[in-house]
C-alpha atoms as a PDB file:
ATOM      1  CA  MET A   1      -4.167  -8.308  -3.541  1.00  0.00           C
ATOM      2  CA  ILE A   2      -4.448  -4.930  -1.935  1.00  0.00           C
ATOM      3  CA  LYS A   3      -4.982  -1.869  -4.586  1.00  0.00           C
ATOM      4  CA  ASN A   4      -3.386   1.324  -3.560  1.00  0.00           C
ATOM      5  CA  HIS A   5      -5.066   4.374  -4.991  1.00  0.00           C
ATOM      6  CA  LEU A   6      -2.909   7.062  -3.534  1.00  0.00           C
ATOM      7  CA  SER A   7      -1.513   8.197  -7.134  1.00  0.00           C
ATOM      8  CA  ARG A   8      -5.249   8.850  -8.326  1.00  0.00           C
ATOM      9  CA  ILE A   9      -6.232  10.633  -5.366  1.00  0.00           C
ATOM     10  CA  LEU A  10      -3.229  12.819  -5.479  1.00  0.00           C
ATOM     11  CA  GLY A  11      -4.061  13.515  -9.022  1.00  0.00           C
ATOM     12  CA  GLU A  12      -7.979  14.469  -8.380  1.00  0.00           C
ATOM     13  CA  ARG A  13      -6.891  16.722  -5.719  1.00  0.00           C
ATOM     14  CA  ARG A  14      -3.819  17.863  -7.906  1.00  0.00           C
ATOM     15  CA  TRP A  15      -1.589  17.438  -4.850  1.00  0.00           C
ATOM     16  CA  THR A  16       2.096  16.881  -5.756  1.00  0.00           C
ATOM     17  CA  GLN A  17       4.283  13.816  -3.718  1.00  0.00           C
ATOM     18  CA  ALA A  18       6.186  16.629  -2.261  1.00  0.00           C
ATOM     19  CA  LYS A  19       3.255  18.128  -1.068  1.00  0.00           C
ATOM     20  CA  LEU A  20       1.989  15.072   0.794  1.00  0.00           C
ATOM     21  CA  SER A  21       5.266  14.535   2.239  1.00  0.00           C
ATOM     22  CA  ARG A  22       5.270  18.055   3.575  1.00  0.00           C
ATOM     23  CA  GLU A  23       1.744  18.195   4.946  1.00  0.00           C
ATOM     24  CA  THR A  24       2.294  14.499   6.980  1.00  0.00           C
ATOM     25  CA  GLY A  25       6.211  14.548   7.663  1.00  0.00           C
ATOM     26  CA  ILE A  26       6.755  11.351   5.824  1.00  0.00           C
ATOM     27  CA  ARG A  27       9.873  10.848   4.004  1.00  0.00           C
ATOM     28  CA  PRO A  28       9.769  11.732   0.327  1.00  0.00           C
ATOM     29  CA  GLY A  29      10.760   8.221  -0.754  1.00  0.00           C
ATOM     30  CA  THR A  30       8.472   6.649   1.457  1.00  0.00           C
ATOM     31  CA  ILE A  31       5.687   8.713  -0.232  1.00  0.00           C
ATOM     32  CA  ASN A  32       7.098   7.803  -3.974  1.00  0.00           C
ATOM     33  CA  ASP A  33       7.040   3.939  -2.654  1.00  0.00           C
ATOM     34  CA  LEU A  34       3.432   4.193  -1.978  1.00  0.00           C
ATOM     35  CA  TYR A  35       2.645   6.353  -5.026  1.00  0.00           C
ATOM     36  CA  GLN A  36       4.546   3.975  -7.416  1.00  0.00           C
ATOM     37  CA  GLY A  37       2.761   1.051  -5.769  1.00  0.00           C
ATOM     38  CA  LEU A  38       6.278  -0.488  -4.903  1.00  0.00           C
ATOM     39  CA  ALA A  39       5.951  -0.173  -0.978  1.00  0.00           C
ATOM     40  CA  GLU A  40       5.607  -3.795   0.590  1.00  0.00           C
ATOM     41  CA  ARG A  41       4.785  -2.697   3.842  1.00  0.00           C
ATOM     42  CA  VAL A  42       2.950   0.597   5.095  1.00  0.00           C
ATOM     43  CA  SER A  43       2.561   1.618   9.009  1.00  0.00           C
ATOM     44  CA  PHE A  44      -0.553   2.478  10.569  1.00  0.00           C
ATOM     45  CA  GLU A  45       0.910   5.856  11.437  1.00  0.00           C
ATOM     46  CA  HIS A  46       1.614   6.727   7.860  1.00  0.00           C
ATOM     47  CA  LEU A  47      -1.849   5.674   6.856  1.00  0.00           C
ATOM     48  CA  ASP A  48      -3.081   7.578   9.432  1.00  0.00           C
ATOM     49  CA  LYS A  49      -1.492  10.894   8.520  1.00  0.00           C
ATOM     50  CA  ILE A  50      -2.119  10.357   4.828  1.00  0.00           C
ATOM     51  CA  CYS A  51      -5.688   9.651   5.237  1.00  0.00           C
ATOM     52  CA  GLU A  52      -5.905  12.832   7.623  1.00  0.00           C
ATOM     53  CA  ALA A  53      -4.086  15.291   5.277  1.00  0.00           C
ATOM     54  CA  LEU A  54      -6.283  13.987   2.088  1.00  0.00           C
ATOM     55  CA  GLY A  55      -9.288  14.027   4.046  1.00  0.00           C
ATOM     56  CA  CYS A  56     -10.187  10.445   3.106  1.00  0.00           C
ATOM     57  CA  ASP A  57     -11.125   7.368   4.693  1.00  0.00           C
ATOM     58  CA  LEU A  58      -8.731   4.243   4.524  1.00  0.00           C
ATOM     59  CA  SER A  59     -11.140   2.263   2.452  1.00  0.00           C
ATOM     60  CA  GLU A  60     -10.488   5.091  -0.558  1.00  0.00           C
ATOM     61  CA  LEU A  61      -6.993   4.658  -0.011  1.00  0.00           C
ATOM     62  CA  LEU A  62      -6.568   1.036  -0.131  1.00  0.00           C
ATOM     63  CA  GLU A  63      -8.913  -1.268  -1.745  1.00  0.00           C
ATOM     64  CA  TYR A  64      -9.018  -5.196  -1.087  1.00  0.00           C
ATOM     65  CA  ILE A  65      -9.344  -7.239  -4.519  1.00  0.00           C
ATOM     66  CA  PRO A  66      -9.836 -11.051  -3.760  1.00  0.00           C
ATOM     67  CA  ASN A  67      -6.546 -13.028  -5.683  1.00  0.00           C
ATOM     68  CA  GLN A  68      -7.741 -15.039  -8.489  1.00  0.00           C
ATOM     69  CA  GLN A  69      -5.567 -17.972  -7.246  1.00  0.00           C
ATOM     70  CA  PRO A  70      -5.903 -18.632  -3.591  1.00  0.00           C
ATOM     71  CA  ARG A  71      -2.635 -17.966  -1.357  1.00  0.00           C
ATOM     72  CA  THR A  72      -3.616 -19.441   2.033  1.00  0.00           C
ATOM     73  CA  GLY A  73      -4.589 -22.609   3.692  1.00  0.00           C
ATOM     74  CA  GLU A  74      -4.007 -25.528   1.479  1.00  0.00           C
ATOM     75  CA  ASN A  75      -2.488 -23.298  -1.136  1.00  0.00           C
ATOM     76  CA  LEU A  76      -0.188 -21.582   1.202  1.00  0.00           C
ATOM     77  CA  ILE A  77       3.103 -20.571  -0.296  1.00  0.00           C
ATOM     78  CA  LEU A  78       5.914 -20.413   2.250  1.00  0.00           C
ATOM     79  CA  GLU A  79       9.181 -18.364   1.458  1.00  0.00           C
ATOM     80  CA  GLU A  80      12.422 -19.798   2.792  1.00  0.00           C
ATOM     81  CA  HIS A  81      15.600 -17.909   1.931  1.00  0.00           C
ATOM     82  CA  GLY A  82      13.924 -16.465  -0.930  1.00  0.00           C
ATOM     83  CA  ASN A  83      12.831 -19.622  -2.709  1.00  0.00           C
ATOM     84  CA  ARG A  84       9.000 -20.147  -2.885  1.00  0.00           C
ATOM     85  CA  ARG A  85       7.701 -23.730  -2.287  1.00  0.00           C
ATOM     86  CA  LYS A  86       4.336 -25.104  -1.759  1.00  0.00           C
ATOM     87  CA  LYS A  87       3.661 -25.823   1.917  1.00  0.00           C
ATOM     88  CA  THR A  88       4.034 -29.517   2.469  1.00  0.00           C
ATOM     89  CA  SER A  89       1.688 -31.548   4.884  1.00  0.00           C
END
């Protein structure tokens, strides 16, 4: 799992989402999705701008936490038309 620390970092720096949007040129809705942990995809360009504006490393912004239940290899779950199913041999 990837843990997003944007809300904590903005709070520590006393920055608003609006200020981050102005500083980076990233749409406010996109910033809000990241802040709320709702974003499913993030561009490298946005990550680069956010880290530059906040003066932080990517490792401060995002953290990898191993999943308790593996989701790759023999445990791979494929999504087909929104239906989750286990990979068959």
